[in-house]
Amino acid sequence: MSTKEAPAAVAARTRAAPPSGAQPAPPHSGRRRRRAWDEAPRWQIYLPLTLYLLFTIIPFYWMLLFAFRPSGSTSLVPWPLTFEHFDKVWTERSFALYFRNSVLVGVFSLLMTTVVALAGGYALARFRFRFRRAFLLALLCSQFIPGALMLVPLFQIFAELQMINSLGSVIIAETVFQLPLSMILISGFIKNVPYSLEESAWVDGCGRFRAFRAVVLPLLRPGLIAVGSFAFVHSWNHFLFALMFLSNQEKQTIPVGLNTLMSAGSVDLGALAAGGVVAAVPVVIVFAFIQKWLITGFSAGAVKG
């Protein structure tokens, strides 16, 4: 070995030699340790998910079983299928009328909530005004107030306006109840839209409203879909306002109609299950078509408050 190569070779052997008394580490031990810490066993993942899935699916299957099973049958399989319960609730129990009223309440609540929340959310996201933080705090605190506490003042207001026993009272109440959360979500979503886009539109000659309509509004589609779907589903399923403000049977909605199927003496389980299926189908269809936009809208709107 030459004189120039000797120091390099000695240094290499010194670095490669393990310390005295140390045992060589087994191959891939670091990788196994990382997997042991980072990855849980499969049964710890699948067992809770399976239990949760059963807990969720069994009530729906039980509802479908009573809805499609003939009266008097005790089979755990709905065969032969029958639609007698659906025919009973749709014709004899006036569920066609309840369905129409629920659609009107849901659609108009959706439109009013989305429009008002869009205007208020834009103001909260783009303008700085006095008591802005106090207003946001009031919106958040209003979510802790249950709807039952609003019944008496709302009933007095609607009685003075002669709106008791009209769908308009339920629509206004649902809109007021859903506005705080919807406004906060829309505000957070608008904050994620760069302000420079609006400034560029202003430079090109657009006013604020035109710039908002041409630049910002198309980017808010996921957020609007999320807020609108939330408003529709909440109005569709809400029971309390429709029960208190609507006394005429021709004005009642599906949740109140389901309540009429239960009496103190007996409960028609087949008709009640069929009415539950009728009430659940529109909600399932809505979520099936908008689930992608719904997840995107809620996640984007919750980034900034």
Protein backbone atom coordinates (compact mmCIF):
# COMPACT_ATOMS: atom_id res chain seq x y z
CA MET A 1 0.00 0.00 0.00
CA SER A 2 1.37 3.40 -0.92
CA THR A 3 2.08 6.14 1.56
CA LYS A 4 -0.73 8.37 0.13
CA GLU A 5 -3.39 5.66 0.35
CA ALA A 6 -2.56 4.50 3.91
CA PRO A 7 -4.29 7.31 5.90
CA ALA A 8 -7.50 7.02 3.84
CA ALA A 9 -7.65 3.25 4.27
CA VAL A 10 -7.02 3.49 8.02
CA ALA A 11 -9.79 6.12 8.40
CA ALA A 12 -12.24 3.95 6.42
CA ARG A 13 -11.54 0.91 8.61
CA THR A 14 -11.90 3.04 11.73
CA ARG A 15 -15.35 4.34 10.65
CA ALA A 16 -16.57 0.90 9.59
CA ALA A 17 -15.50 -0.90 12.76
CA PRO A 18 -18.34 -1.26 15.30
CA PRO A 19 -17.74 -0.28 18.90
CA SER A 20 -16.51 -2.97 21.23
CA GLY A 21 -19.23 -5.06 22.87
CA ALA A 22 -21.97 -3.86 20.48
CA GLN A 23 -24.09 -6.41 18.62
CA PRO A 24 -24.88 -5.86 14.97
CA ALA A 25 -28.41 -4.62 14.32
CA PRO A 26 -30.70 -7.03 12.47
CA PRO A 27 -31.51 -6.11 8.88
CA HIS A 28 -34.51 -3.81 8.35
CA SER A 29 -34.94 -3.30 12.12
CA GLY A 30 -35.56 0.44 11.70
CA ARG A 31 -38.25 -0.21 9.12
CA ARG A 32 -39.96 -2.73 11.40
CA ARG A 33 -39.88 -0.33 14.33
CA ARG A 34 -41.44 2.39 12.22
CA ARG A 35 -44.19 0.05 11.07
CA ALA A 36 -44.84 -1.10 14.64
CA TRP A 37 -45.30 2.48 15.81
CA ASP A 38 -46.99 3.99 12.75
CA GLU A 39 -49.28 1.18 11.60
CA ALA A 40 -51.90 -0.39 13.86
CA PRO A 41 -52.85 -4.05 13.43
CA ARG A 42 -55.59 -4.61 10.90
CA TRP A 43 -58.07 -5.98 13.44
CA GLN A 44 -57.86 -2.74 15.44
CA ILE A 45 -59.02 -0.88 12.33
CA TYR A 46 -61.58 -3.24 10.86
CA LEU A 47 -63.29 -4.29 14.09
CA PRO A 48 -64.49 -0.78 15.12
CA LEU A 49 -65.43 0.01 11.52
CA THR A 50 -67.44 -3.21 11.27
CA LEU A 51 -69.25 -2.51 14.53
CA TYR A 52 -70.02 1.04 13.44
CA LEU A 53 -71.25 -0.19 10.06
CA LEU A 54 -73.57 -2.72 11.69
CA PHE A 55 -74.81 -0.10 14.13
CA THR A 56 -75.65 2.17 11.17
CA ILE A 57 -77.05 -0.33 8.67
CA ILE A 58 -79.23 -2.51 10.92
CA PRO A 59 -81.81 0.25 11.70
CA PHE A 60 -82.11 1.04 7.98
CA TYR A 61 -82.54 -2.64 7.15
CA TRP A 62 -85.16 -2.95 9.88
CA MET A 63 -87.07 -0.01 8.40
CA LEU A 64 -86.92 -1.51 4.90
CA LEU A 65 -88.00 -4.87 6.30
CA PHE A 66 -91.20 -3.49 7.84
CA ALA A 67 -91.87 -1.28 4.82
CA PHE A 68 -91.71 -4.08 2.21
CA ARG A 69 -92.83 -7.06 4.32
CA PRO A 70 -96.53 -8.06 4.25
CA SER A 71 -98.61 -7.30 7.31
CA GLY A 72 -98.55 -10.07 9.90
CA SER A 73 -95.34 -11.61 8.60
CA THR A 74 -92.45 -12.33 10.97
CA SER A 75 -89.83 -13.18 8.36
CA LEU A 76 -86.42 -11.52 8.57
CA VAL A 77 -86.32 -11.28 4.77
CA PRO A 78 -88.86 -8.98 3.03
CA TRP A 79 -90.19 -11.60 0.64
CA PRO A 80 -92.55 -11.52 -1.12
CA LEU A 81 -92.26 -7.78 -1.59
CA THR A 82 -95.37 -5.72 -1.05
CA PHE A 83 -96.13 -2.05 -1.61
CA GLU A 84 -99.35 -1.97 0.38
CA HIS A 85 -97.80 0.15 3.11
CA PHE A 86 -96.55 2.74 0.61
CA ASP A 87 -99.96 2.89 -1.05
CA LYS A 88 -101.57 3.37 2.37
CA VAL A 89 -99.36 6.26 3.50
CA TRP A 90 -99.34 7.96 0.08
CA THR A 91 -103.12 7.93 -0.45
CA GLU A 92 -104.90 7.34 2.86
CA ARG A 93 -102.46 9.24 5.09
CA SER A 94 -101.99 12.23 2.73
CA PHE A 95 -98.23 11.76 2.39
CA ALA A 96 -98.38 13.12 -1.15
CA LEU A 97 -99.49 16.46 0.32
CA TYR A 98 -96.88 16.29 3.10
CA PHE A 99 -94.20 15.56 0.53
CA ARG A 100 -95.16 18.61 -1.54
CA ASN A 101 -95.12 20.87 1.52
CA SER A 102 -91.71 19.54 2.61
CA VAL A 103 -90.29 20.18 -0.87
CA LEU A 104 -91.57 23.77 -0.81
CA VAL A 105 -90.14 24.41 2.66
CA GLY A 106 -86.79 22.82 1.78
CA VAL A 107 -86.32 24.58 -1.56
CA PHE A 108 -87.30 28.05 -0.36
CA SER A 109 -85.24 27.70 2.81
CA LEU A 110 -82.30 26.66 0.66
CA LEU A 111 -82.64 29.70 -1.61
CA MET A 112 -83.15 32.24 1.17
CA THR A 113 -80.38 30.83 3.36
CA THR A 114 -77.89 30.73 0.48
CA VAL A 115 -78.61 34.25 -0.77
CA VAL A 116 -78.53 35.92 2.66
CA ALA A 117 -75.50 33.90 3.82
CA LEU A 118 -73.67 34.79 0.61
CA ALA A 119 -74.19 38.52 1.16
CA GLY A 120 -73.34 38.39 4.85
CA GLY A 121 -70.36 36.08 4.34
CA TYR A 122 -68.90 38.38 1.70
CA ALA A 123 -69.21 41.36 4.04
CA LEU A 124 -67.48 39.47 6.86
CA ALA A 125 -64.69 38.26 4.60
CA ARG A 126 -63.91 41.40 2.62
CA PHE A 127 -64.80 44.38 4.85
CA ARG A 128 -63.33 45.57 8.12
CA PHE A 129 -65.89 47.38 10.25
CA ARG A 130 -66.44 48.21 13.89
CA PHE A 131 -67.67 45.37 16.11
CA ARG A 132 -66.89 42.80 13.44
CA ARG A 133 -65.34 40.40 15.95
CA ALA A 134 -68.26 40.89 18.33
CA PHE A 135 -70.66 40.07 15.51
CA LEU A 136 -68.74 36.89 14.69
CA LEU A 137 -68.77 35.94 18.36
CA ALA A 138 -72.53 36.48 18.46
CA LEU A 139 -72.95 34.22 15.43
CA LEU A 140 -70.94 31.49 17.10
CA CYS A 141 -72.77 31.83 20.41
CA SER A 142 -76.15 31.62 18.67
CA GLN A 143 -75.32 28.03 17.75
CA PHE A 144 -75.57 27.09 21.43
CA ILE A 145 -79.19 28.26 21.64
CA PRO A 146 -81.64 25.39 21.07
CA GLY A 147 -84.51 25.92 18.68
CA ALA A 148 -87.07 25.31 21.43
CA LEU A 149 -86.11 28.62 23.09
CA MET A 150 -87.02 30.47 19.89
CA LEU A 151 -90.56 29.09 19.69
CA VAL A 152 -92.31 31.62 21.93
CA PRO A 153 -90.85 34.84 20.42
CA LEU A 154 -91.20 33.50 16.88
CA PHE A 155 -94.78 32.45 17.52
CA GLN A 156 -95.65 35.92 18.83
CA ILE A 157 -94.00 37.58 15.83
CA PHE A 158 -95.78 35.36 13.32
CA ALA A 159 -99.08 35.82 15.15
CA GLU A 160 -98.73 39.62 14.84
CA LEU A 161 -97.92 39.21 11.14
CA GLN A 162 -100.84 36.77 10.70
CA MET A 163 -98.49 34.11 9.35
CA ILE A 164 -99.47 31.27 11.69
CA ASN A 165 -100.54 28.17 9.80
CA SER A 166 -98.65 29.15 6.64
CA LEU A 167 -95.56 27.63 5.09
CA GLY A 168 -93.94 31.07 5.04
CA SER A 169 -93.58 31.05 8.82
CA VAL A 170 -91.71 27.73 8.75
CA ILE A 171 -89.49 28.91 5.89
CA ILE A 172 -88.53 32.12 7.70
CA ALA A 173 -87.90 30.28 10.96
CA GLU A 174 -85.71 27.68 9.25
CA THR A 175 -83.76 30.41 7.45
CA VAL A 176 -83.14 32.37 10.66
CA PHE A 177 -82.07 29.22 12.49
CA GLN A 178 -79.56 28.17 9.80
CA LEU A 179 -78.09 31.56 8.87
CA PRO A 180 -75.31 31.84 11.51
CA LEU A 181 -73.48 28.64 10.58
CA SER A 182 -74.09 29.17 6.86
CA MET A 183 -72.69 32.70 7.03
CA ILE A 184 -69.57 31.54 8.86
CA LEU A 185 -68.95 28.80 6.29
CA ILE A 186 -69.42 31.13 3.33
CA SER A 187 -67.15 33.72 4.94
CA GLY A 188 -64.38 31.16 5.41
CA PHE A 189 -64.72 29.99 1.83
CA ILE A 190 -64.58 33.53 0.41
CA LYS A 191 -61.38 34.19 2.38
CA ASN A 192 -59.71 31.40 0.42
CA VAL A 193 -60.37 33.25 -2.86
CA PRO A 194 -57.40 35.59 -3.52
CA TYR A 195 -58.34 39.23 -3.15
CA SER A 196 -56.03 40.07 -6.07
CA LEU A 197 -58.53 38.46 -8.47
CA GLU A 198 -61.15 41.05 -7.57
CA GLU A 199 -58.59 43.86 -7.78
CA SER A 200 -57.64 42.74 -11.28
CA ALA A 201 -61.30 42.86 -12.29
CA TRP A 202 -61.58 46.37 -10.84
CA VAL A 203 -58.59 47.49 -12.88
CA ASP A 204 -60.32 46.14 -16.00
CA GLY A 205 -63.31 48.37 -15.30
CA CYS A 206 -65.65 46.09 -13.35
CA GLY A 207 -67.56 47.32 -10.36
CA ARG A 208 -67.59 45.42 -7.07
CA PHE A 209 -70.82 43.57 -7.81
CA ARG A 210 -69.81 42.68 -11.36
CA ALA A 211 -66.36 41.54 -10.21
CA PHE A 212 -67.95 39.40 -7.53
CA ARG A 213 -70.39 37.85 -9.99
CA ALA A 214 -67.79 37.20 -12.69
CA VAL A 215 -64.72 36.26 -10.63
CA VAL A 216 -65.62 35.19 -7.09
CA LEU A 217 -69.03 33.56 -7.51
CA PRO A 218 -67.90 30.79 -9.91
CA LEU A 219 -65.19 29.79 -7.41
CA LEU A 220 -67.73 29.50 -4.61
CA ARG A 221 -69.67 26.61 -6.16
CA PRO A 222 -68.52 23.93 -3.67
CA GLY A 223 -69.24 26.21 -0.72
CA LEU A 224 -72.68 27.19 -2.02
CA ILE A 225 -73.57 23.55 -2.66
CA ALA A 226 -72.46 22.60 0.84
CA VAL A 227 -74.45 25.38 2.50
CA GLY A 228 -77.50 24.81 0.29
CA SER A 229 -77.56 21.06 0.90
CA PHE A 230 -77.17 21.59 4.64
CA ALA A 231 -80.10 24.03 4.62
CA PHE A 232 -82.29 21.71 2.56
CA VAL A 233 -81.64 18.61 4.67
CA HIS A 234 -82.12 20.50 7.93
CA SER A 235 -85.42 22.01 6.73
CA TRP A 236 -86.57 18.64 5.40
CA ASN A 237 -85.97 16.84 8.69
CA HIS A 238 -86.90 19.56 11.18
CA PHE A 239 -89.97 18.71 13.22
CA LEU A 240 -90.39 21.38 15.87
CA PHE A 241 -91.15 24.50 13.82
CA ALA A 242 -93.60 22.70 11.54
CA LEU A 243 -95.41 21.21 14.54
CA MET A 244 -95.81 24.54 16.34
CA PHE A 245 -96.59 26.87 13.44
CA LEU A 246 -98.76 24.58 11.28
CA SER A 247 -102.05 23.33 12.70
CA ASN A 248 -103.88 22.69 9.43
CA GLN A 249 -103.30 19.17 8.09
CA GLU A 250 -103.04 20.47 4.53
CA LYS A 251 -100.00 22.55 5.54
CA GLN A 252 -98.08 19.93 7.51
CA THR A 253 -94.74 18.47 6.43
CA ILE A 254 -93.40 14.91 6.40
CA PRO A 255 -91.91 14.87 9.95
CA VAL A 256 -95.29 15.96 11.37
CA GLY A 257 -97.02 13.45 9.12
CA LEU A 258 -94.85 10.66 10.52
CA ASN A 259 -95.88 11.73 14.00
CA THR A 260 -99.57 11.29 13.09
CA LEU A 261 -98.92 7.60 12.35
CA MET A 262 -98.23 6.99 16.03
CA SER A 263 -101.06 7.02 18.54
CA ALA A 264 -101.37 6.19 22.22
CA GLY A 265 -103.17 2.93 21.53
CA SER A 266 -101.22 1.40 18.67
CA VAL A 267 -98.57 2.05 16.07
CA ASP A 268 -98.83 0.89 12.45
CA LEU A 269 -95.21 -0.22 12.01
CA GLY A 270 -95.60 -0.99 8.32
CA ALA A 271 -97.04 2.42 7.48
CA LEU A 272 -94.53 4.16 9.76
CA ALA A 273 -91.61 2.36 8.09
CA ALA A 274 -92.96 3.17 4.62
CA GLY A 275 -93.29 6.84 5.59
CA GLY A 276 -89.71 6.78 6.86
CA VAL A 277 -88.50 5.42 3.52
CA VAL A 278 -90.42 8.15 1.68
CA ALA A 279 -88.82 10.76 3.94
CA ALA A 280 -85.30 9.32 3.54
CA VAL A 281 -85.22 8.87 -0.24
CA PRO A 282 -84.85 12.59 -1.19
CA VAL A 283 -82.06 13.09 1.37
CA VAL A 284 -80.19 10.02 0.11
CA ILE A 285 -80.51 11.24 -3.50
CA VAL A 286 -79.24 14.70 -2.58
CA PHE A 287 -76.17 13.36 -0.78
CA ALA A 288 -75.47 10.82 -3.53
CA PHE A 289 -75.18 13.57 -6.15
CA ILE A 290 -73.37 16.25 -4.13
CA GLN A 291 -71.10 14.30 -1.77
CA LYS A 292 -67.94 15.43 -3.56
CA TRP A 293 -68.93 19.08 -3.50
CA LEU A 294 -70.20 18.76 0.07
CA ILE A 295 -66.88 17.49 1.48
CA THR A 296 -64.89 20.06 -0.50
CA GLY A 297 -67.14 22.91 0.55
CA PHE A 298 -67.18 22.13 4.28
CA SER A 299 -63.43 21.51 4.44
CA ALA A 300 -62.60 24.71 2.54
CA GLY A 301 -65.04 26.82 4.52
CA ALA A 302 -63.60 25.64 7.83
CA VAL A 303 -59.99 26.59 7.06
CA LYS A 304 -60.34 30.25 8.01
CA GLY A 305 -62.95 31.80 10.19
